[in-house]
C-alpha atoms as a PDB file:
ATOM      1  CA  MET A   1     100.704 -86.548-123.940  1.00  0.00           C
ATOM      2  CA  GLU A   2      97.957 -84.160-124.921  1.00  0.00           C
ATOM      3  CA  THR A   3      95.150 -83.879-122.395  1.00  0.00           C
ATOM      4  CA  GLU A   4      92.291 -83.881-124.873  1.00  0.00           C
ATOM      5  CA  PHE A   5      91.622 -85.393-128.284  1.00  0.00           C
ATOM      6  CA  GLU A   6      88.648 -84.864-130.567  1.00  0.00           C
ATOM      7  CA  LEU A   7      87.474 -88.141-132.055  1.00  0.00           C
ATOM      8  CA  LYS A   8      85.041 -88.745-134.893  1.00  0.00           C
ATOM      9  CA  THR A   9      83.108 -91.817-135.820  1.00  0.00           C
ATOM     10  CA  GLY A  10      83.253 -93.042-139.392  1.00  0.00           C
ATOM     11  CA  PRO A  11      80.211 -94.094-141.422  1.00  0.00           C
ATOM     12  CA  GLN A  12      80.351 -97.592-139.927  1.00  0.00           C
ATOM     13  CA  GLY A  13      80.628 -96.296-136.365  1.00  0.00           C
ATOM     14  CA  HIS A  14      84.361 -96.919-136.007  1.00  0.00           C
ATOM     15  CA  ILE A  15      86.425 -94.517-133.933  1.00  0.00           C
ATOM     16  CA  TYR A  16      90.000 -93.733-134.904  1.00  0.00           C
ATOM     17  CA  LEU A  17      92.278 -93.552-131.880  1.00  0.00           C
ATOM     18  CA  PRO A  18      95.363 -91.366-132.325  1.00  0.00           C
ATOM     19  CA  LYS A  19      98.683 -93.197-132.545  1.00  0.00           C
ATOM     20  CA  LYS A  20      99.817 -91.720-129.200  1.00  0.00           C
ATOM     21  CA  ILE A  21      96.857 -93.369-127.453  1.00  0.00           C
ATOM     22  CA  ARG A  22      97.360 -96.716-129.196  1.00  0.00           C
ATOM     23  CA  GLU A  23     101.059 -96.732-128.282  1.00  0.00           C
ATOM     24  CA  VAL A  24     100.344 -96.080-124.599  1.00  0.00           C
ATOM     25  CA  PHE A  25      97.203 -98.204-124.152  1.00  0.00           C
ATOM     26  CA  GLY A  26      98.036-101.103-126.474  1.00  0.00           C
ATOM     27  CA  GLU A  27      95.775-103.073-128.791  1.00  0.00           C
ATOM     28  CA  LYS A  28      93.239-104.495-126.314  1.00  0.00           C
ATOM     29  CA  LEU A  29      91.107-101.887-124.605  1.00  0.00           C
ATOM     30  CA  LYS A  30      88.040-101.749-122.419  1.00  0.00           C
ATOM     31  CA  LEU A  31      85.349 -99.089-122.720  1.00  0.00           C
ATOM     32  CA  MET A  32      83.124 -98.395-119.727  1.00  0.00           C
ATOM     33  CA  PRO A  33      80.314 -95.977-120.636  1.00  0.00           C
ATOM     34  CA  ASN A  34      77.495 -94.418-118.675  1.00  0.00           C
ATOM     35  CA  ALA A  35      74.829 -91.907-119.714  1.00  0.00           C
ATOM     36  CA  HIS A  36      77.185 -88.942-120.233  1.00  0.00           C
ATOM     37  CA  ALA A  37      80.772 -90.146-120.560  1.00  0.00           C
ATOM     38  CA  ALA A  38      83.017 -93.158-121.044  1.00  0.00           C
ATOM     39  CA  ALA A  39      86.373 -94.382-119.816  1.00  0.00           C
ATOM     40  CA  ILE A  40      88.785 -96.174-122.137  1.00  0.00           C
ATOM     41  CA  TYR A  41      91.662 -98.084-120.596  1.00  0.00           C
ATOM     42  CA  PRO A  42      93.954-101.032-121.365  1.00  0.00           C
ATOM     43  CA  ALA A  43      92.227-104.390-120.914  1.00  0.00           C
ATOM     44  CA  ASP A  44      94.940-105.533-118.493  1.00  0.00           C
ATOM     45  CA  ALA A  45      95.091-102.266-116.515  1.00  0.00           C
ATOM     46  CA  ASP A  46      95.284-102.153-112.745  1.00  0.00           C
ATOM     47  CA  LEU A  47      91.830-100.870-111.792  1.00  0.00           C
ATOM     48  CA  GLN A  48      93.231 -98.854-108.872  1.00  0.00           C
ATOM     49  CA  ALA A  49      95.482 -97.014-111.348  1.00  0.00           C
ATOM     50  CA  VAL A  50      92.502 -96.456-113.672  1.00  0.00           C
ATOM     51  CA  ILE A  51      90.480 -94.986-110.791  1.00  0.00           C
ATOM     52  CA  ALA A  52      93.377 -92.706-109.799  1.00  0.00           C
ATOM     53  CA  SER A  53      93.716 -91.535-113.406  1.00  0.00           C
ATOM     54  CA  LEU A  54      89.990 -90.882-113.664  1.00  0.00           C
ATOM     55  CA  GLN A  55      90.114 -88.820-110.474  1.00  0.00           C
ATOM     56  CA  LEU A  56      92.817 -86.652-112.081  1.00  0.00           C
ATOM     57  CA  ILE A  57      90.674 -86.256-115.192  1.00  0.00           C
ATOM     58  CA  VAL A  58      87.695 -85.195-113.052  1.00  0.00           C
ATOM     59  CA  ARG A  59      89.890 -82.601-111.305  1.00  0.00           C
ATOM     60  CA  ASP A  60      91.069 -81.283-114.677  1.00  0.00           C
ATOM     61  CA  LEU A  61      87.494 -81.022-115.958  1.00  0.00           C
ATOM     62  CA  THR A  62      86.452 -79.240-112.754  1.00  0.00           C
ATOM     63  CA  LEU A  63      89.265 -76.694-113.174  1.00  0.00           C
ATOM     64  CA  ARG A  64      88.285 -76.128-116.803  1.00  0.00           C
ATOM     65  CA  LEU A  65      84.650 -75.568-115.801  1.00  0.00           C
ATOM     66  CA  GLU A  66      85.672 -73.139-113.067  1.00  0.00           C
ATOM     67  CA  SER A  67      87.901 -71.285-115.523  1.00  0.00           C
ATOM     68  CA  LEU A  68      85.077 -71.024-118.052  1.00  0.00           C
ATOM     69  CA  SER A  69      82.678 -69.813-115.358  1.00  0.00           C
ATOM     70  CA  ALA A  70      85.181 -67.181-114.169  1.00  0.00           C
ATOM     71  CA  ALA A  71      85.740 -65.970-117.725  1.00  0.00           C
ATOM     72  CA  GLU A  72      81.979 -65.706-118.252  1.00  0.00           C
ATOM     73  CA  VAL A  73      81.563 -63.669-115.051  1.00  0.00           C
ATOM     74  CA  LYS A  74      84.440 -61.399-116.130  1.00  0.00           C
ATOM     75  CA  ARG A  75      82.825 -60.833-119.565  1.00  0.00           C
ATOM     76  CA  ASN A  76      79.429 -60.063-118.068  1.00  0.00           C
ATOM     77  CA  GLY A  77      80.973 -57.690-115.547  1.00  0.00           C
END
């Protein structure tokens, strides 16, 4: 599965979820937002598995940030 999707809201505020996500997560989802991000997971998910998945996502984001920072340092010499 892809590791990142760009989503857009329609005029009524609806978000289209790609078919790959719907097939994996099912029809009933939970959304847990905070001030800067949100987690979407199946309504019947094992919360320990959700936490483990979120920890992997945080690691991936950290690596991406480090990669961007390294590229910026390289460009600026």
